[in-house]
Amino acid sequence: MTTSTRGAVKTPAVLVLEDGRIFRGRAYGAVGATFGEAVFSTGMTGYQETLTDPSYHRQVVVMTAPHVGNTGVNDEDMESKKIWVSGYVVRDPARVPSNWRSRRTLDDELAAQGVVGISGIDTRALTRHLRERGAMRVGIFSGDTIQDDAALLARVQEAPEMTGADLSAEVATKEAYVVPAIGERKFTVAAVDLGIKGM
């Protein structure tokens, strides 16, 4: 994945599926190129939890809900300490978040963590395509990474497949940590964190 600073709303972006289907839109989050397995999420809420869920590592998440980012990003609803998705696809991102817990916009958070996204495409058509054809490799390209369609498709088809990938080694914690008890401590439990969700 290659990324640069946050893209202006009008920066062109292209989403290319490994079977040759192409969607054109605008950059959302970081500008650059990213690859992963295309999957979709039908949740109307909870996008922050989805983004920070380690089980979405190396996946490009397509949101079927038309409006995303309405409540911004806060510091309490994280499933882990970072965003794990490889890319993010939305139809109509919120221009201004409206929630008393919001600390920053979703666009800014994606850019700050180097997550390349695309907005302004028909996410329901893309979801139907994935539902009928199955999960597949995908690339999102924006800014200077956009080339002719054939070159972009070749890059997607050269990206590694998910089959056989050892992702638990990539999402596992590198060091031990302690989660303090809420209320009276009754037991001591040890767990191997290979991508535990925080909530």
C-alpha atoms as a PDB file:
ATOM      1  CA  MET A   1       0.000   0.000   0.000  1.00  0.00           C
ATOM      2  CA  THR A   2       1.251   3.483  -0.836  1.00  0.00           C
ATOM      3  CA  THR A   3      -0.269   6.587   0.651  1.00  0.00           C
ATOM      4  CA  SER A   4       0.220  10.316   0.879  1.00  0.00           C
ATOM      5  CA  THR A   5      -1.596  13.091   2.710  1.00  0.00           C
ATOM      6  CA  ARG A   6      -5.353  13.457   2.949  1.00  0.00           C
ATOM      7  CA  GLY A   7      -6.972  13.924  -0.424  1.00  0.00           C
ATOM      8  CA  ALA A   8      -9.103  16.857  -1.410  1.00  0.00           C
ATOM      9  CA  VAL A   9     -12.735  15.935  -1.915  1.00  0.00           C
ATOM     10  CA  LYS A  10     -12.396  16.366  -5.686  1.00  0.00           C
ATOM     11  CA  THR A  11      -9.301  14.159  -6.133  1.00  0.00           C
ATOM     12  CA  PRO A  12     -10.269  11.440  -8.642  1.00  0.00           C
ATOM     13  CA  ALA A  13     -10.185   7.832  -7.476  1.00  0.00           C
ATOM     14  CA  VAL A  14     -10.731   4.469  -9.154  1.00  0.00           C
ATOM     15  CA  LEU A  15     -11.759   1.107  -7.692  1.00  0.00           C
ATOM     16  CA  VAL A  16     -10.745  -1.922  -9.764  1.00  0.00           C
ATOM     17  CA  LEU A  17     -11.911  -5.479  -9.074  1.00  0.00           C
ATOM     18  CA  GLU A  18      -9.831  -8.445 -10.189  1.00  0.00           C
ATOM     19  CA  ASP A  19     -12.543  -9.509 -12.641  1.00  0.00           C
ATOM     20  CA  GLY A  20     -12.202  -6.184 -14.474  1.00  0.00           C
ATOM     21  CA  ARG A  21     -15.212  -4.285 -13.053  1.00  0.00           C
ATOM     22  CA  ILE A  22     -14.328  -0.623 -12.472  1.00  0.00           C
ATOM     23  CA  PHE A  23     -15.952   2.103 -10.370  1.00  0.00           C
ATOM     24  CA  ARG A  24     -14.897   5.765 -10.499  1.00  0.00           C
ATOM     25  CA  GLY A  25     -15.296   8.240  -7.660  1.00  0.00           C
ATOM     26  CA  ARG A  26     -13.365  10.603  -5.401  1.00  0.00           C
ATOM     27  CA  ALA A  27     -10.591  10.056  -2.879  1.00  0.00           C
ATOM     28  CA  TYR A  28     -11.671   9.569   0.724  1.00  0.00           C
ATOM     29  CA  GLY A  29      -9.061   9.433   3.466  1.00  0.00           C
ATOM     30  CA  ALA A  30      -5.466   9.085   2.285  1.00  0.00           C
ATOM     31  CA  VAL A  31      -4.491   9.517  -1.364  1.00  0.00           C
ATOM     32  CA  GLY A  32      -2.501   6.681  -2.922  1.00  0.00           C
ATOM     33  CA  ALA A  33      -2.997   3.023  -3.774  1.00  0.00           C
ATOM     34  CA  THR A  34      -4.115   0.057  -1.713  1.00  0.00           C
ATOM     35  CA  PHE A  35      -4.998  -3.588  -2.300  1.00  0.00           C
ATOM     36  CA  GLY A  36      -6.990  -6.199  -0.421  1.00  0.00           C
ATOM     37  CA  GLU A  37      -9.937  -8.549  -0.493  1.00  0.00           C
ATOM     38  CA  ALA A  38     -13.224  -6.791  -1.256  1.00  0.00           C
ATOM     39  CA  VAL A  39     -15.931  -7.474   1.329  1.00  0.00           C
ATOM     40  CA  PHE A  40     -19.056  -5.573   2.326  1.00  0.00           C
ATOM     41  CA  SER A  41     -20.616  -4.500   5.605  1.00  0.00           C
ATOM     42  CA  THR A  42     -24.368  -4.003   5.904  1.00  0.00           C
ATOM     43  CA  GLY A  43     -24.249  -2.205   9.265  1.00  0.00           C
ATOM     44  CA  MET A  44     -26.161   1.063   9.497  1.00  0.00           C
ATOM     45  CA  THR A  45     -23.972   2.115  12.434  1.00  0.00           C
ATOM     46  CA  GLY A  46     -20.736   0.975  14.032  1.00  0.00           C
ATOM     47  CA  TYR A  47     -18.333   1.904  11.246  1.00  0.00           C
ATOM     48  CA  GLN A  48     -15.644   2.832  13.776  1.00  0.00           C
ATOM     49  CA  GLU A  49     -15.807  -0.634  15.334  1.00  0.00           C
ATOM     50  CA  THR A  50     -15.597  -2.231  11.878  1.00  0.00           C
ATOM     51  CA  LEU A  51     -12.550  -0.199  10.893  1.00  0.00           C
ATOM     52  CA  THR A  52     -10.626  -1.080  14.051  1.00  0.00           C
ATOM     53  CA  ASP A  53     -11.627  -4.768  14.132  1.00  0.00           C
ATOM     54  CA  PRO A  54      -8.500  -6.924  13.510  1.00  0.00           C
ATOM     55  CA  SER A  55     -10.597  -9.504  11.651  1.00  0.00           C
ATOM     56  CA  TYR A  56     -10.817  -7.040   8.725  1.00  0.00           C
ATOM     57  CA  HIS A  57      -7.024  -6.951   8.249  1.00  0.00           C
ATOM     58  CA  ARG A  58      -6.053  -6.891   4.533  1.00  0.00           C
ATOM     59  CA  GLN A  59      -9.665  -6.373   3.489  1.00  0.00           C
ATOM     60  CA  VAL A  60     -11.232  -3.443   1.658  1.00  0.00           C
ATOM     61  CA  VAL A  61     -14.593  -2.817   3.295  1.00  0.00           C
ATOM     62  CA  VAL A  62     -17.534  -1.594   1.217  1.00  0.00           C
ATOM     63  CA  MET A  63     -20.256   0.085   3.289  1.00  0.00           C
ATOM     64  CA  THR A  64     -23.771  -0.570   1.971  1.00  0.00           C
ATOM     65  CA  ALA A  65     -25.347   2.194   4.089  1.00  0.00           C
ATOM     66  CA  PRO A  66     -25.440   5.296   1.865  1.00  0.00           C
ATOM     67  CA  HIS A  67     -24.313   7.824   4.513  1.00  0.00           C
ATOM     68  CA  VAL A  68     -21.135   7.131   6.480  1.00  0.00           C
ATOM     69  CA  GLY A  69     -19.238   9.318   8.931  1.00  0.00           C
ATOM     70  CA  ASN A  70     -22.245  11.131  10.415  1.00  0.00           C
ATOM     71  CA  THR A  71     -21.053  10.658  14.003  1.00  0.00           C
ATOM     72  CA  GLY A  72     -17.363  11.289  13.319  1.00  0.00           C
ATOM     73  CA  VAL A  73     -14.698   9.397  15.266  1.00  0.00           C
ATOM     74  CA  ASN A  74     -14.313   9.257  19.041  1.00  0.00           C
ATOM     75  CA  ASP A  75     -11.724   7.707  21.354  1.00  0.00           C
ATOM     76  CA  GLU A  76     -14.048   5.276  23.137  1.00  0.00           C
ATOM     77  CA  ASP A  77     -15.458   2.988  20.414  1.00  0.00           C
ATOM     78  CA  MET A  78     -12.244   1.459  19.122  1.00  0.00           C
ATOM     79  CA  GLU A  79     -11.969  -2.346  18.913  1.00  0.00           C
ATOM     80  CA  SER A  80      -8.172  -2.022  18.899  1.00  0.00           C
ATOM     81  CA  LYS A  81      -5.510   0.685  18.825  1.00  0.00           C
ATOM     82  CA  LYS A  82      -5.563   1.251  15.050  1.00  0.00           C
ATOM     83  CA  ILE A  83      -7.523   0.891  11.847  1.00  0.00           C
ATOM     84  CA  TRP A  84      -6.961  -2.539  10.305  1.00  0.00           C
ATOM     85  CA  VAL A  85      -8.815  -2.354   6.988  1.00  0.00           C
ATOM     86  CA  SER A  86      -6.694  -1.994   3.859  1.00  0.00           C
ATOM     87  CA  GLY A  87      -9.180   0.322   2.203  1.00  0.00           C
ATOM     88  CA  TYR A  88     -12.596   1.871   2.684  1.00  0.00           C
ATOM     89  CA  VAL A  89     -15.465   2.403   0.236  1.00  0.00           C
ATOM     90  CA  VAL A  90     -18.419   4.716   0.879  1.00  0.00           C
ATOM     91  CA  ARG A  91     -21.149   6.252  -1.223  1.00  0.00           C
ATOM     92  CA  ASP A  92     -21.956   9.562   0.468  1.00  0.00           C
ATOM     93  CA  PRO A  93     -19.564  10.602   3.262  1.00  0.00           C
ATOM     94  CA  ALA A  94     -20.786  13.088   5.858  1.00  0.00           C
ATOM     95  CA  ARG A  95     -19.521  16.603   5.239  1.00  0.00           C
ATOM     96  CA  VAL A  96     -19.720  17.548   8.916  1.00  0.00           C
ATOM     97  CA  PRO A  97     -20.034  15.033  11.768  1.00  0.00           C
ATOM     98  CA  SER A  98     -22.733  15.674  14.349  1.00  0.00           C
ATOM     99  CA  ASN A  99     -22.289  13.902  17.673  1.00  0.00           C
ATOM    100  CA  TRP A 100     -21.300  15.163  21.106  1.00  0.00           C
ATOM    101  CA  ARG A 101     -18.677  12.398  21.409  1.00  0.00           C
ATOM    102  CA  SER A 102     -17.011  13.156  18.073  1.00  0.00           C
ATOM    103  CA  ARG A 103     -13.361  14.252  18.223  1.00  0.00           C
ATOM    104  CA  ARG A 104     -12.510  14.335  14.501  1.00  0.00           C
ATOM    105  CA  THR A 105     -13.965  13.474  11.102  1.00  0.00           C
ATOM    106  CA  LEU A 106     -13.791   9.984   9.673  1.00  0.00           C
ATOM    107  CA  ASP A 107     -12.035  11.374   6.588  1.00  0.00           C
ATOM    108  CA  ASP A 108      -9.316  12.908   8.787  1.00  0.00           C
ATOM    109  CA  GLU A 109      -8.897   9.696  10.803  1.00  0.00           C
ATOM    110  CA  LEU A 110      -8.511   7.573   7.672  1.00  0.00           C
ATOM    111  CA  ALA A 111      -5.957  10.020   6.284  1.00  0.00           C
ATOM    112  CA  ALA A 112      -4.025  10.189   9.564  1.00  0.00           C
ATOM    113  CA  GLN A 113      -3.697   6.394   9.604  1.00  0.00           C
ATOM    114  CA  GLY A 114      -2.838   6.140   5.911  1.00  0.00           C
ATOM    115  CA  VAL A 115      -6.013   4.341   4.836  1.00  0.00           C
ATOM    116  CA  VAL A 116      -6.844   4.880   1.167  1.00  0.00           C
ATOM    117  CA  GLY A 117     -10.546   5.109   0.414  1.00  0.00           C
ATOM    118  CA  ILE A 118     -12.992   6.056  -2.291  1.00  0.00           C
ATOM    119  CA  SER A 119     -16.362   7.823  -2.135  1.00  0.00           C
ATOM    120  CA  GLY A 120     -19.101   8.754  -4.556  1.00  0.00           C
ATOM    121  CA  ILE A 121     -19.613   5.324  -6.121  1.00  0.00           C
ATOM    122  CA  ASP A 122     -22.676   3.090  -6.254  1.00  0.00           C
ATOM    123  CA  THR A 123     -21.870   0.878  -3.272  1.00  0.00           C
ATOM    124  CA  ARG A 124     -25.075  -1.119  -3.654  1.00  0.00           C
ATOM    125  CA  ALA A 125     -24.182  -2.086  -7.229  1.00  0.00           C
ATOM    126  CA  LEU A 126     -20.716  -3.049  -5.997  1.00  0.00           C
ATOM    127  CA  THR A 127     -22.232  -5.071  -3.142  1.00  0.00           C
ATOM    128  CA  ARG A 128     -24.556  -6.930  -5.526  1.00  0.00           C
ATOM    129  CA  HIS A 129     -21.577  -7.703  -7.740  1.00  0.00           C
ATOM    130  CA  LEU A 130     -19.599  -9.110  -4.810  1.00  0.00           C
ATOM    131  CA  ARG A 131     -22.611 -11.063  -3.536  1.00  0.00           C
ATOM    132  CA  GLU A 132     -23.042 -12.715  -6.946  1.00  0.00           C
ATOM    133  CA  ARG A 133     -19.357 -13.225  -7.822  1.00  0.00           C
ATOM    134  CA  GLY A 134     -17.878 -13.710  -4.341  1.00  0.00           C
ATOM    135  CA  ALA A 135     -15.079 -11.956  -2.496  1.00  0.00           C
ATOM    136  CA  MET A 136     -12.175 -11.013  -4.743  1.00  0.00           C
ATOM    137  CA  ARG A 137      -9.058  -8.901  -4.873  1.00  0.00           C
ATOM    138  CA  VAL A 138      -9.519  -5.180  -5.339  1.00  0.00           C
ATOM    139  CA  GLY A 139      -7.409  -2.077  -5.665  1.00  0.00           C
ATOM    140  CA  ILE A 140      -8.214   1.567  -4.925  1.00  0.00           C
ATOM    141  CA  PHE A 141      -6.123   4.170  -6.717  1.00  0.00           C
ATOM    142  CA  SER A 142      -6.172   7.961  -6.348  1.00  0.00           C
ATOM    143  CA  GLY A 143      -3.978  10.907  -7.224  1.00  0.00           C
ATOM    144  CA  ASP A 144      -0.732  10.091  -9.026  1.00  0.00           C
ATOM    145  CA  THR A 145      -1.298   6.315  -8.712  1.00  0.00           C
ATOM    146  CA  ILE A 146      -4.043   6.347 -11.378  1.00  0.00           C
ATOM    147  CA  GLN A 147      -2.912   4.805 -14.676  1.00  0.00           C
ATOM    148  CA  ASP A 148      -4.807   3.375 -17.622  1.00  0.00           C
ATOM    149  CA  ASP A 149      -7.398   0.756 -16.747  1.00  0.00           C
ATOM    150  CA  ALA A 150      -5.384  -2.205 -18.087  1.00  0.00           C
ATOM    151  CA  ALA A 151      -2.349  -1.281 -15.969  1.00  0.00           C
ATOM    152  CA  LEU A 152      -4.491  -0.900 -12.845  1.00  0.00           C
ATOM    153  CA  LEU A 153      -6.164  -4.260 -13.445  1.00  0.00           C
ATOM    154  CA  ALA A 154      -2.760  -5.908 -13.854  1.00  0.00           C
ATOM    155  CA  ARG A 155      -1.636  -4.462 -10.508  1.00  0.00           C
ATOM    156  CA  VAL A 156      -4.747  -5.834  -8.799  1.00  0.00           C
ATOM    157  CA  GLN A 157      -4.264  -9.278 -10.317  1.00  0.00           C
ATOM    158  CA  GLU A 158      -0.630  -9.293  -9.136  1.00  0.00           C
ATOM    159  CA  ALA A 159      -1.629  -8.513  -5.535  1.00  0.00           C
ATOM    160  CA  PRO A 160      -1.424 -11.420  -3.071  1.00  0.00           C
ATOM    161  CA  GLU A 161      -4.545 -13.517  -2.542  1.00  0.00           C
ATOM    162  CA  MET A 162      -6.070 -14.152   0.884  1.00  0.00           C
ATOM    163  CA  THR A 163      -6.000 -17.932   0.416  1.00  0.00           C
ATOM    164  CA  GLY A 164      -3.356 -19.395   2.708  1.00  0.00           C
ATOM    165  CA  ALA A 165      -2.439 -16.070   4.328  1.00  0.00           C
ATOM    166  CA  ASP A 166      -1.290 -16.304   7.977  1.00  0.00           C
ATOM    167  CA  LEU A 167      -3.024 -13.182   9.227  1.00  0.00           C
ATOM    168  CA  SER A 168      -3.102 -14.102  12.899  1.00  0.00           C
ATOM    169  CA  ALA A 169       0.653 -13.517  13.061  1.00  0.00           C
ATOM    170  CA  GLU A 170       0.114 -10.027  11.657  1.00  0.00           C
ATOM    171  CA  VAL A 171      -2.670  -8.974  14.052  1.00  0.00           C
ATOM    172  CA  ALA A 172      -1.339 -10.639  17.214  1.00  0.00           C
ATOM    173  CA  THR A 173      -0.001  -8.338  19.923  1.00  0.00           C
ATOM    174  CA  LYS A 174       3.771  -8.070  20.205  1.00  0.00           C
ATOM    175  CA  GLU A 175       3.909  -7.740  23.996  1.00  0.00           C
ATOM    176  CA  ALA A 176       1.886  -8.622  27.083  1.00  0.00           C
ATOM    177  CA  TYR A 177      -0.632  -6.153  28.478  1.00  0.00           C
ATOM    178  CA  VAL A 178      -3.073  -5.990  31.378  1.00  0.00           C
ATOM    179  CA  VAL A 179      -6.747  -5.055  31.184  1.00  0.00           C
ATOM    180  CA  PRO A 180      -7.784  -3.624  34.562  1.00  0.00           C
ATOM    181  CA  ALA A 181     -10.858  -5.068  36.232  1.00  0.00           C
ATOM    182  CA  ILE A 182     -14.098  -3.129  36.225  1.00  0.00           C
ATOM    183  CA  GLY A 183     -15.423  -3.305  39.769  1.00  0.00           C
ATOM    184  CA  GLU A 184     -14.158  -5.959  42.166  1.00  0.00           C
ATOM    185  CA  ARG A 185     -11.492  -8.277  40.767  1.00  0.00           C
ATOM    186  CA  LYS A 186     -12.620 -11.910  41.077  1.00  0.00           C
ATOM    187  CA  PHE A 187     -10.372 -13.905  38.754  1.00  0.00           C
ATOM    188  CA  THR A 188      -7.129 -13.696  36.816  1.00  0.00           C
ATOM    189  CA  VAL A 189      -7.471 -14.841  33.224  1.00  0.00           C
ATOM    190  CA  ALA A 190      -4.702 -15.243  30.659  1.00  0.00           C
ATOM    191  CA  ALA A 191      -5.549 -14.985  26.952  1.00  0.00           C
ATOM    192  CA  VAL A 192      -3.437 -15.227  23.813  1.00  0.00           C
ATOM    193  CA  ASP A 193      -4.257 -12.125  21.785  1.00  0.00           C
ATOM    194  CA  LEU A 194      -4.346 -13.098  18.111  1.00  0.00           C
ATOM    195  CA  GLY A 195      -6.659 -10.229  17.242  1.00  0.00           C
ATOM    196  CA  ILE A 196      -8.984  -9.883  20.220  1.00  0.00           C
ATOM    197  CA  LYS A 197     -11.681  -7.247  19.828  1.00  0.00           C
ATOM    198  CA  GLY A 198     -11.725  -4.617  22.531  1.00  0.00           C
ATOM    199  CA  MET A 199     -15.492  -4.387  23.043  1.00  0.00           C
END
